[in-house]
C-alpha cells in the first residue's frame, strides 16, 4: 500500500541522502514531499557531495540543485505516514527551527516510521526523541546521541539499524540496507 512520506531537507544536505530516498521511495509508488524551513514548493536547495577519501573527515564538493515539491509552512505532519530526515550539514541548521522539532516529535508520538541518515540524527537529538533507543549516525554525531540518552550504534558505514519505528544509518554508503529496513518498517 502506497504511503505519504515527508522528507526534511535543507541547504547543503548531502546530495545522495536527499536524491536517493526521494527517488527510490517514489519508484516504489509512495508519495514523497520534500520540504525545507522557510522555503516553498518550486524553490531549490543546494546540496553537497560528501565523500570518504581517507581524511579525518569527509570531503565536500558542490552537489545538484534540488527542487522542493511541497511548502514547509503548510505541512501537516498528521497527513503523513512516515518521515525521512536527510543528512549532510543541513540538520545542524534546520534543527534550530522549532517547527522541525515539533514535526519530528509528532512522528515519534504517533509511532510512525522514521528514517534518519548521517547527521540527520542531530534533528532527533534536538527533538529529544532518542532516549533509550539505538541510533546510528555519522561518527561525529555519536556524542550528541549519547548526551541525548540514546545508545550510539557504531556499525559499518554500509549498514543500518532498526529500533522499533526508527531506522538509522551512518552515511550514504548504507542506502541499500537503510532503505530496505525502512521499507520493511513502512510495511511495504
N, C-alpha and C. Protein backbone atom coordinates (compact mmCIF):
# COMPACT_ATOMS: atom_id res chain seq x y z
N UNK A 1 0.84 -1.18 0.00
CA UNK A 1 0.00 0.00 0.00
C UNK A 1 0.88 1.25 0.00
N UNK A 2 0.61 2.16 -0.90
CA UNK A 2 1.41 3.38 -1.03
C UNK A 2 1.25 4.25 0.21
N UNK A 3 2.34 4.87 0.61
CA UNK A 3 2.38 5.74 1.79
C UNK A 3 2.68 7.17 1.36
N UNK A 4 2.34 8.09 2.23
CA UNK A 4 2.66 9.50 2.03
C UNK A 4 3.80 9.82 3.01
N UNK A 5 4.94 10.22 2.45
CA UNK A 5 6.17 10.38 3.24
C UNK A 5 6.63 11.83 3.18
N UNK A 6 7.01 12.36 4.34
CA UNK A 6 7.57 13.71 4.45
C UNK A 6 9.08 13.59 4.54
N UNK A 7 9.79 14.37 3.74
CA UNK A 7 11.25 14.37 3.77
C UNK A 7 11.74 15.75 4.17
N UNK A 8 12.47 15.83 5.30
CA UNK A 8 13.06 17.08 5.77
C UNK A 8 14.44 17.26 5.16
N UNK A 9 14.64 18.39 4.48
CA UNK A 9 15.92 18.70 3.85
C UNK A 9 16.29 20.15 4.15
N UNK A 10 17.46 20.53 3.76
CA UNK A 10 17.90 21.91 3.92
C UNK A 10 19.10 22.16 3.03
N UNK A 11 19.46 23.44 2.88
CA UNK A 11 20.64 23.75 2.08
C UNK A 11 21.85 23.00 2.59
N UNK A 12 22.61 22.47 1.66
CA UNK A 12 23.83 21.70 1.90
C UNK A 12 23.56 20.37 2.59
N UNK A 13 22.34 19.87 2.38
CA UNK A 13 22.09 18.47 2.72
C UNK A 13 22.97 17.64 1.79
N UNK A 14 23.30 16.45 2.19
CA UNK A 14 24.13 15.59 1.36
C UNK A 14 23.33 15.15 0.14
N UNK A 15 23.87 15.39 -1.04
CA UNK A 15 23.20 15.16 -2.31
C UNK A 15 22.54 13.78 -2.38
N UNK A 16 23.30 12.72 -2.17
CA UNK A 16 22.77 11.36 -2.27
C UNK A 16 21.70 11.10 -1.21
N UNK A 17 21.87 11.69 -0.04
CA UNK A 17 20.94 11.44 1.05
C UNK A 17 19.61 12.18 0.86
N UNK A 18 19.59 13.11 -0.09
CA UNK A 18 18.34 13.76 -0.49
C UNK A 18 17.76 13.02 -1.69
N UNK A 19 18.56 12.90 -2.73
CA UNK A 19 18.09 12.37 -4.01
C UNK A 19 17.68 10.91 -3.96
N UNK A 20 18.53 10.06 -3.40
CA UNK A 20 18.28 8.61 -3.47
C UNK A 20 16.98 8.22 -2.77
N UNK A 21 16.76 8.59 -1.50
CA UNK A 21 15.48 8.18 -0.89
C UNK A 21 14.28 8.84 -1.56
N UNK A 22 14.43 10.10 -1.98
CA UNK A 22 13.34 10.80 -2.66
C UNK A 22 12.91 10.03 -3.91
N UNK A 23 13.88 9.62 -4.71
CA UNK A 23 13.57 8.92 -5.96
C UNK A 23 13.19 7.46 -5.72
N UNK A 24 13.92 6.77 -4.85
CA UNK A 24 13.65 5.34 -4.63
C UNK A 24 12.27 5.11 -4.02
N UNK A 25 11.88 5.94 -3.07
CA UNK A 25 10.56 5.76 -2.45
C UNK A 25 9.44 6.07 -3.44
N UNK A 26 9.66 7.04 -4.32
CA UNK A 26 8.67 7.30 -5.37
C UNK A 26 8.60 6.13 -6.35
N UNK A 27 9.75 5.56 -6.66
CA UNK A 27 9.80 4.43 -7.57
C UNK A 27 8.96 3.26 -7.03
N UNK A 28 8.88 3.16 -5.72
CA UNK A 28 8.09 2.10 -5.08
C UNK A 28 6.61 2.46 -5.00
N UNK A 29 6.23 3.64 -5.50
CA UNK A 29 4.83 4.04 -5.53
C UNK A 29 4.40 4.97 -4.41
N UNK A 30 5.33 5.34 -3.53
CA UNK A 30 5.00 6.25 -2.43
C UNK A 30 5.00 7.70 -2.91
N UNK A 31 4.25 8.54 -2.23
CA UNK A 31 4.29 9.98 -2.46
C UNK A 31 5.30 10.55 -1.48
N UNK A 32 6.25 11.32 -1.97
CA UNK A 32 7.28 11.92 -1.11
C UNK A 32 7.23 13.43 -1.28
N UNK A 33 7.04 14.15 -0.18
CA UNK A 33 7.06 15.61 -0.19
C UNK A 33 8.33 16.07 0.51
N UNK A 34 9.20 16.73 -0.25
CA UNK A 34 10.45 17.26 0.29
C UNK A 34 10.23 18.72 0.67
N UNK A 35 10.53 19.04 1.94
CA UNK A 35 10.32 20.39 2.45
C UNK A 35 11.55 20.90 3.18
N UNK A 36 11.67 22.22 3.22
CA UNK A 36 12.76 22.89 3.91
C UNK A 36 12.20 24.12 4.61
N UNK A 37 12.60 24.36 5.87
CA UNK A 37 12.11 25.55 6.56
C UNK A 37 12.32 26.82 5.73
N UNK A 38 11.31 27.68 5.76
CA UNK A 38 11.34 28.99 5.11
C UNK A 38 11.38 28.91 3.59
N UNK A 39 11.05 27.75 3.02
CA UNK A 39 11.03 27.63 1.55
C UNK A 39 9.71 27.02 1.10
N UNK A 40 9.36 27.33 -0.16
CA UNK A 40 8.10 26.88 -0.74
C UNK A 40 8.34 25.88 -1.86
N UNK A 41 7.28 25.18 -2.23
CA UNK A 41 7.34 24.28 -3.37
C UNK A 41 7.84 25.06 -4.59
N UNK A 42 8.73 24.45 -5.35
CA UNK A 42 9.31 25.09 -6.53
C UNK A 42 10.63 25.78 -6.27
N UNK A 43 10.92 26.09 -5.00
CA UNK A 43 12.22 26.68 -4.68
C UNK A 43 13.25 25.56 -4.61
N UNK A 44 14.52 25.94 -4.66
CA UNK A 44 15.58 24.94 -4.63
C UNK A 44 16.40 25.02 -3.35
N UNK A 45 17.04 23.91 -3.05
CA UNK A 45 18.11 23.88 -2.06
C UNK A 45 19.36 23.44 -2.80
N UNK A 46 20.48 23.88 -2.31
CA UNK A 46 21.75 23.39 -2.85
C UNK A 46 22.14 22.17 -2.03
N UNK A 47 22.72 21.19 -2.70
CA UNK A 47 23.19 20.02 -1.98
C UNK A 47 24.71 19.97 -2.07
N UNK A 48 25.30 19.10 -1.28
CA UNK A 48 26.74 18.89 -1.28
C UNK A 48 27.02 17.40 -1.40
N UNK A 49 28.09 17.07 -2.08
CA UNK A 49 28.50 15.67 -2.19
C UNK A 49 29.63 15.45 -1.19
N UNK A 50 29.38 14.57 -0.27
CA UNK A 50 30.38 14.22 0.74
C UNK A 50 31.00 12.88 0.37
N UNK A 51 32.32 12.83 0.42
CA UNK A 51 33.00 11.59 0.07
C UNK A 51 34.01 11.24 1.15
N UNK A 52 34.36 9.99 1.18
CA UNK A 52 35.28 9.46 2.19
C UNK A 52 36.57 9.09 1.47
N UNK A 53 37.57 9.99 1.57
CA UNK A 53 38.79 9.84 0.79
C UNK A 53 40.02 9.66 1.67
N UNK A 54 39.84 9.16 2.88
CA UNK A 54 40.97 8.87 3.74
C UNK A 54 41.37 9.99 4.68
N UNK A 55 40.66 11.11 4.64
CA UNK A 55 40.95 12.20 5.56
C UNK A 55 40.24 11.95 6.89
N UNK A 56 40.49 12.78 7.89
CA UNK A 56 39.84 12.63 9.18
C UNK A 56 38.35 12.91 9.10
N UNK A 57 37.93 13.65 8.10
CA UNK A 57 36.53 14.00 7.90
C UNK A 57 36.23 13.84 6.42
N UNK A 58 34.98 13.78 6.07
CA UNK A 58 34.58 13.68 4.67
C UNK A 58 35.00 14.93 3.91
N UNK A 59 35.18 14.79 2.61
CA UNK A 59 35.42 15.95 1.76
C UNK A 59 34.07 16.42 1.22
N UNK A 60 34.03 17.66 0.77
CA UNK A 60 32.76 18.22 0.30
C UNK A 60 32.95 18.90 -1.05
N UNK A 61 32.03 18.57 -1.97
CA UNK A 61 32.01 19.17 -3.29
C UNK A 61 30.59 19.64 -3.57
N UNK A 62 30.41 20.61 -4.46
CA UNK A 62 29.05 21.04 -4.79
C UNK A 62 28.23 19.89 -5.38
N UNK A 63 26.97 19.81 -4.97
CA UNK A 63 26.06 18.80 -5.50
C UNK A 63 25.08 19.44 -6.47
N UNK A 64 23.97 18.78 -6.65
CA UNK A 64 22.93 19.27 -7.55
C UNK A 64 22.02 20.26 -6.83
N UNK A 65 21.34 21.08 -7.61
CA UNK A 65 20.25 21.86 -7.07
C UNK A 65 19.04 20.92 -7.00
N UNK A 66 18.34 20.94 -5.90
CA UNK A 66 17.20 20.05 -5.68
C UNK A 66 15.96 20.91 -5.51
N UNK A 67 14.94 20.64 -6.31
CA UNK A 67 13.71 21.42 -6.26
C UNK A 67 12.73 20.82 -5.25
N UNK A 68 12.31 21.63 -4.32
CA UNK A 68 11.33 21.21 -3.31
C UNK A 68 9.96 21.04 -3.98
N UNK A 69 9.20 20.07 -3.52
CA UNK A 69 7.89 19.85 -4.14
C UNK A 69 6.73 20.08 -3.18
N UNK A 70 7.02 20.64 -2.01
CA UNK A 70 5.98 20.99 -1.04
C UNK A 70 6.46 22.19 -0.24
N UNK A 71 5.53 22.87 0.39
CA UNK A 71 5.83 24.08 1.15
C UNK A 71 5.87 23.77 2.64
N UNK A 72 6.98 24.07 3.27
CA UNK A 72 7.18 23.76 4.68
C UNK A 72 6.09 24.36 5.56
N UNK A 73 5.73 25.61 5.33
CA UNK A 73 4.77 26.32 6.19
C UNK A 73 3.39 25.68 6.21
N UNK A 74 3.04 24.94 5.17
CA UNK A 74 1.70 24.36 5.10
C UNK A 74 1.66 22.87 5.42
N UNK A 75 2.79 22.28 5.76
CA UNK A 75 2.85 20.85 6.07
C UNK A 75 2.07 20.54 7.35
N UNK A 76 1.25 19.50 7.28
CA UNK A 76 0.55 18.99 8.45
C UNK A 76 1.06 17.57 8.68
N UNK A 77 1.90 17.37 9.71
CA UNK A 77 2.51 16.05 9.90
C UNK A 77 1.50 14.92 10.06
N UNK A 78 0.30 15.24 10.57
CA UNK A 78 -0.71 14.20 10.74
C UNK A 78 -1.20 13.64 9.40
N UNK A 79 -0.91 14.34 8.30
CA UNK A 79 -1.29 13.87 6.97
C UNK A 79 -0.30 12.88 6.37
N UNK A 80 0.80 12.63 7.07
CA UNK A 80 1.87 11.78 6.54
C UNK A 80 1.99 10.48 7.33
N UNK A 81 2.41 9.44 6.61
CA UNK A 81 2.60 8.12 7.21
C UNK A 81 3.99 7.89 7.75
N UNK A 82 4.97 8.66 7.27
CA UNK A 82 6.36 8.42 7.66
C UNK A 82 7.19 9.68 7.43
N UNK A 83 8.38 9.68 8.04
CA UNK A 83 9.30 10.81 7.95
C UNK A 83 10.68 10.32 7.55
N UNK A 84 11.32 11.04 6.62
CA UNK A 84 12.71 10.79 6.23
C UNK A 84 13.50 12.06 6.54
N UNK A 85 14.62 11.90 7.24
CA UNK A 85 15.48 13.03 7.57
C UNK A 85 16.82 12.82 6.88
N UNK A 86 17.11 13.71 5.95
CA UNK A 86 18.36 13.63 5.20
C UNK A 86 19.51 14.21 6.01
N UNK A 87 20.71 13.74 5.70
CA UNK A 87 21.90 14.20 6.43
C UNK A 87 22.63 15.31 5.72
N UNK A 88 23.93 15.37 5.96
CA UNK A 88 24.76 16.46 5.45
C UNK A 88 24.85 17.56 6.50
N UNK A 89 25.16 18.75 6.06
CA UNK A 89 25.28 19.86 7.01
C UNK A 89 23.95 20.48 7.37
N UNK A 90 22.92 20.23 6.59
CA UNK A 90 21.62 20.85 6.82
C UNK A 90 21.05 20.62 8.22
N UNK A 91 21.09 19.38 8.76
CA UNK A 91 20.48 19.17 10.07
C UNK A 91 21.02 20.07 11.17
N UNK A 92 22.29 20.42 11.09
CA UNK A 92 22.89 21.31 12.10
C UNK A 92 22.13 22.63 12.18
N UNK A 93 21.58 23.08 11.05
CA UNK A 93 20.89 24.35 11.00
C UNK A 93 19.38 24.22 11.11
N UNK A 94 18.80 23.27 10.40
CA UNK A 94 17.33 23.21 10.43
C UNK A 94 16.82 22.72 11.78
N UNK A 95 17.67 22.10 12.59
CA UNK A 95 17.24 21.69 13.93
C UNK A 95 17.00 22.88 14.84
N UNK A 96 17.44 24.05 14.43
CA UNK A 96 17.19 25.27 15.19
C UNK A 96 15.78 25.79 14.99
N UNK A 97 15.07 25.23 14.03
CA UNK A 97 13.70 25.63 13.73
C UNK A 97 12.76 24.80 14.61
N UNK A 98 12.04 25.43 15.49
CA UNK A 98 11.18 24.72 16.45
C UNK A 98 10.13 23.87 15.74
N UNK A 99 9.65 24.33 14.61
CA UNK A 99 8.63 23.55 13.89
C UNK A 99 9.22 22.24 13.36
N UNK A 100 10.49 22.24 12.94
CA UNK A 100 11.15 21.00 12.52
C UNK A 100 11.12 20.00 13.67
N UNK A 101 11.40 20.48 14.87
CA UNK A 101 11.41 19.61 16.05
C UNK A 101 10.00 19.13 16.38
N UNK A 102 9.02 20.00 16.28
CA UNK A 102 7.62 19.60 16.54
C UNK A 102 7.15 18.54 15.55
N UNK A 103 7.49 18.73 14.28
CA UNK A 103 7.13 17.75 13.26
C UNK A 103 7.78 16.40 13.59
N UNK A 104 9.05 16.43 13.93
CA UNK A 104 9.77 15.19 14.27
C UNK A 104 9.13 14.51 15.47
N UNK A 105 8.82 15.26 16.49
CA UNK A 105 8.18 14.68 17.68
C UNK A 105 6.83 14.05 17.35
N UNK A 106 6.09 14.65 16.44
CA UNK A 106 4.80 14.08 16.04
C UNK A 106 4.96 12.64 15.58
N UNK A 107 5.95 12.37 14.75
CA UNK A 107 6.12 11.03 14.20
C UNK A 107 6.48 10.02 15.29
N UNK A 108 7.19 10.46 16.31
CA UNK A 108 7.52 9.55 17.41
C UNK A 108 6.33 9.35 18.34
N UNK A 109 5.61 10.42 18.63
CA UNK A 109 4.42 10.31 19.49
C UNK A 109 3.38 9.40 18.85
N UNK A 110 3.24 9.49 17.53
CA UNK A 110 2.27 8.68 16.80
C UNK A 110 2.84 7.31 16.41
N UNK A 111 4.10 7.05 16.76
CA UNK A 111 4.78 5.79 16.44
C UNK A 111 4.76 5.48 14.93
N UNK A 112 4.97 6.52 14.14
CA UNK A 112 5.05 6.36 12.70
C UNK A 112 6.50 6.09 12.30
N UNK A 113 6.74 5.44 11.17
CA UNK A 113 8.11 5.16 10.72
C UNK A 113 8.93 6.43 10.49
N UNK A 114 10.18 6.38 10.95
CA UNK A 114 11.12 7.48 10.77
C UNK A 114 12.44 6.90 10.30
N UNK A 115 13.03 7.52 9.29
CA UNK A 115 14.36 7.14 8.80
C UNK A 115 15.26 8.37 8.85
N UNK A 116 16.43 8.22 9.45
CA UNK A 116 17.40 9.32 9.50
C UNK A 116 18.77 8.76 9.13
N UNK A 117 19.50 9.53 8.37
CA UNK A 117 20.82 9.08 7.91
C UNK A 117 21.85 10.16 8.23
N UNK A 118 23.05 9.71 8.56
CA UNK A 118 24.20 10.59 8.75
C UNK A 118 23.95 11.62 9.86
N UNK A 119 24.06 12.90 9.54
CA UNK A 119 23.85 13.96 10.51
C UNK A 119 22.37 14.21 10.81
N UNK A 120 21.47 13.48 10.16
CA UNK A 120 20.04 13.59 10.43
C UNK A 120 19.73 13.32 11.89
N UNK A 121 20.58 12.53 12.55
CA UNK A 121 20.39 12.26 13.97
C UNK A 121 20.47 13.52 14.82
N UNK A 122 21.08 14.58 14.30
CA UNK A 122 21.12 15.84 15.06
C UNK A 122 19.71 16.40 15.25
N UNK A 123 18.84 16.16 14.31
CA UNK A 123 17.45 16.61 14.47
C UNK A 123 16.77 15.74 15.53
N UNK A 124 17.05 14.45 15.50
CA UNK A 124 16.46 13.55 16.50
C UNK A 124 16.89 13.92 17.91
N UNK A 125 18.18 14.22 18.08
CA UNK A 125 18.66 14.56 19.43
C UNK A 125 18.08 15.90 19.89
N UNK A 126 18.01 16.87 18.98
CA UNK A 126 17.45 18.17 19.34
C UNK A 126 15.97 18.06 19.67
N UNK A 127 15.28 17.13 19.03
CA UNK A 127 13.85 16.93 19.29
C UNK A 127 13.61 16.12 20.57
N UNK A 128 14.66 15.54 21.14
CA UNK A 128 14.52 14.78 22.38
C UNK A 128 13.84 13.44 22.21
N UNK A 129 14.07 12.76 21.08
CA UNK A 129 13.35 11.51 20.81
C UNK A 129 14.23 10.27 20.78
N UNK A 130 15.51 10.38 21.18
CA UNK A 130 16.40 9.22 21.10
C UNK A 130 16.64 8.51 22.43
N UNK A 131 16.13 9.04 23.52
CA UNK A 131 16.39 8.45 24.83
C UNK A 131 15.97 6.97 24.84
N UNK A 132 16.92 6.10 25.21
CA UNK A 132 16.65 4.67 25.30
C UNK A 132 16.64 3.94 23.98
N UNK A 133 16.99 4.61 22.89
CA UNK A 133 16.97 3.98 21.56
C UNK A 133 18.38 3.76 21.04
N UNK A 134 18.52 2.74 20.19
CA UNK A 134 19.77 2.52 19.47
C UNK A 134 19.72 3.35 18.20
N UNK A 135 20.74 4.20 18.03
CA UNK A 135 20.76 5.14 16.91
C UNK A 135 22.14 5.13 16.27
N UNK A 136 22.18 4.97 14.96
CA UNK A 136 23.41 5.15 14.22
C UNK A 136 23.40 6.53 13.61
N UNK A 137 24.58 7.02 13.29
CA UNK A 137 24.74 8.34 12.68
C UNK A 137 26.18 8.45 12.23
N UNK A 138 26.50 9.53 11.55
CA UNK A 138 27.89 9.79 11.24
C UNK A 138 28.64 9.83 12.58
N UNK A 139 29.82 9.20 12.67
CA UNK A 139 30.51 9.08 13.97
C UNK A 139 30.68 10.38 14.74
N UNK A 140 30.82 11.50 14.07
CA UNK A 140 30.98 12.79 14.77
C UNK A 140 29.73 13.18 15.55
N UNK A 141 28.60 12.53 15.27
CA UNK A 141 27.35 12.83 15.96
C UNK A 141 27.16 11.91 17.18
N UNK A 142 28.02 10.92 17.34
CA UNK A 142 27.89 9.97 18.45
C UNK A 142 27.79 10.64 19.81
N UNK A 143 28.62 11.66 20.13
CA UNK A 143 28.48 12.30 21.44
C UNK A 143 27.10 12.91 21.66
N UNK A 144 26.49 13.49 20.62
CA UNK A 144 25.16 14.07 20.76
C UNK A 144 24.11 12.99 21.05
N UNK A 145 24.25 11.85 20.36
CA UNK A 145 23.31 10.74 20.60
C UNK A 145 23.41 10.30 22.05
N UNK A 146 24.62 10.15 22.54
CA UNK A 146 24.82 9.69 23.93
C UNK A 146 24.32 10.72 24.94
N UNK A 147 24.62 11.98 24.72
CA UNK A 147 24.18 13.04 25.64
C UNK A 147 22.65 13.11 25.69
N UNK A 148 22.01 12.81 24.57
CA UNK A 148 20.54 12.85 24.50
C UNK A 148 19.90 11.57 25.05
N UNK A 149 20.74 10.65 25.58
CA UNK A 149 20.21 9.44 26.20
C UNK A 149 20.04 8.25 25.28
N UNK A 150 20.53 8.38 24.05
CA UNK A 150 20.48 7.26 23.13
C UNK A 150 21.71 6.39 23.24
N UNK A 151 21.61 5.19 22.69
CA UNK A 151 22.76 4.30 22.61
C UNK A 151 23.30 4.40 21.19
N UNK A 152 24.50 4.95 21.03
CA UNK A 152 25.08 5.09 19.70
C UNK A 152 25.45 3.72 19.15
N UNK A 153 24.93 3.39 17.98
CA UNK A 153 25.23 2.12 17.32
C UNK A 153 26.40 2.35 16.36
N UNK A 154 27.57 1.89 16.77
CA UNK A 154 28.79 2.04 15.98
C UNK A 154 28.85 0.87 15.00
N UNK A 155 28.22 1.05 13.84
CA UNK A 155 28.11 -0.02 12.85
C UNK A 155 28.91 0.37 11.60
N UNK A 156 29.20 -0.60 10.73
CA UNK A 156 29.91 -0.27 9.50
C UNK A 156 29.14 0.76 8.67
N UNK A 157 29.86 1.52 7.89
CA UNK A 157 29.27 2.62 7.11
C UNK A 157 28.28 2.12 6.06
N UNK A 158 28.30 0.82 5.79
CA UNK A 158 27.39 0.23 4.80
C UNK A 158 26.16 -0.41 5.44
N UNK A 159 26.02 -0.28 6.74
CA UNK A 159 24.93 -0.94 7.46
C UNK A 159 23.93 0.06 8.02
N UNK A 160 22.80 -0.45 8.47
CA UNK A 160 21.76 0.36 9.10
C UNK A 160 21.24 -0.41 10.30
N UNK A 161 20.49 0.27 11.16
CA UNK A 161 19.93 -0.38 12.34
C UNK A 161 18.48 0.09 12.51
N UNK A 162 17.64 -0.85 12.91
CA UNK A 162 16.24 -0.53 13.18
C UNK A 162 15.97 -0.72 14.67
N UNK A 163 15.34 0.27 15.28
CA UNK A 163 14.91 0.20 16.67
C UNK A 163 13.45 0.65 16.70
N UNK A 164 12.55 -0.33 16.68
CA UNK A 164 11.12 -0.01 16.65
C UNK A 164 10.75 0.65 15.33
N UNK A 165 10.22 1.87 15.42
CA UNK A 165 9.81 2.61 14.22
C UNK A 165 10.94 3.43 13.60
N UNK A 166 12.13 3.38 14.19
CA UNK A 166 13.26 4.22 13.78
C UNK A 166 14.32 3.42 13.03
N UNK A 167 14.68 3.89 11.84
CA UNK A 167 15.76 3.28 11.05
C UNK A 167 16.83 4.34 10.84
N UNK A 168 18.08 4.02 11.23
CA UNK A 168 19.17 4.99 11.10
C UNK A 168 20.38 4.32 10.46
N UNK A 169 21.24 5.16 9.90
CA UNK A 169 22.45 4.68 9.25
C UNK A 169 23.52 5.76 9.33
N UNK A 170 24.81 5.36 9.24
CA UNK A 170 25.89 6.33 9.40
C UNK A 170 26.11 7.28 8.22
N UNK A 171 25.81 6.86 7.00
CA UNK A 171 26.06 7.72 5.83
C UNK A 171 25.50 7.06 4.58
N UNK A 172 25.61 7.76 3.45
CA UNK A 172 25.02 7.30 2.19
C UNK A 172 25.49 5.93 1.73
N UNK A 173 26.69 5.44 2.04
CA UNK A 173 27.03 4.08 1.59
C UNK A 173 26.08 3.01 2.16
N UNK A 174 25.30 3.36 3.17
CA UNK A 174 24.35 2.41 3.77
C UNK A 174 22.98 2.43 3.09
N UNK A 175 22.81 3.20 2.03
CA UNK A 175 21.49 3.31 1.41
C UNK A 175 20.80 1.97 1.16
N UNK A 176 21.47 0.96 0.59
CA UNK A 176 20.74 -0.30 0.36
C UNK A 176 20.17 -0.90 1.65
N UNK A 177 20.96 -0.95 2.70
CA UNK A 177 20.48 -1.51 3.97
C UNK A 177 19.45 -0.59 4.62
N UNK A 178 19.72 0.70 4.63
CA UNK A 178 18.85 1.69 5.27
C UNK A 178 17.47 1.72 4.62
N UNK A 179 17.45 1.82 3.29
CA UNK A 179 16.17 1.88 2.59
C UNK A 179 15.42 0.55 2.68
N UNK A 180 16.13 -0.57 2.62
CA UNK A 180 15.46 -1.88 2.75
C UNK A 180 14.80 -2.01 4.11
N UNK A 181 15.49 -1.59 5.17
CA UNK A 181 14.91 -1.67 6.50
C UNK A 181 13.76 -0.69 6.66
N UNK A 182 13.88 0.51 6.08
CA UNK A 182 12.82 1.50 6.18
C UNK A 182 11.56 1.01 5.45
N UNK A 183 11.73 0.44 4.27
CA UNK A 183 10.60 -0.07 3.51
C UNK A 183 9.89 -1.18 4.30
N UNK A 184 10.67 -1.98 5.01
CA UNK A 184 10.08 -3.04 5.85
C UNK A 184 9.26 -2.42 6.99
N UNK A 185 9.81 -1.39 7.64
CA UNK A 185 9.10 -0.71 8.73
C UNK A 185 7.84 -0.03 8.19
N UNK A 186 7.89 0.45 6.95
CA UNK A 186 6.72 1.05 6.32
C UNK A 186 5.61 0.03 6.08
N UNK A 187 5.99 -1.25 6.10
CA UNK A 187 5.02 -2.30 5.85
C UNK A 187 4.81 -2.55 4.37
N UNK A 188 5.76 -2.11 3.57
CA UNK A 188 5.64 -2.29 2.11
C UNK A 188 6.32 -3.57 1.66
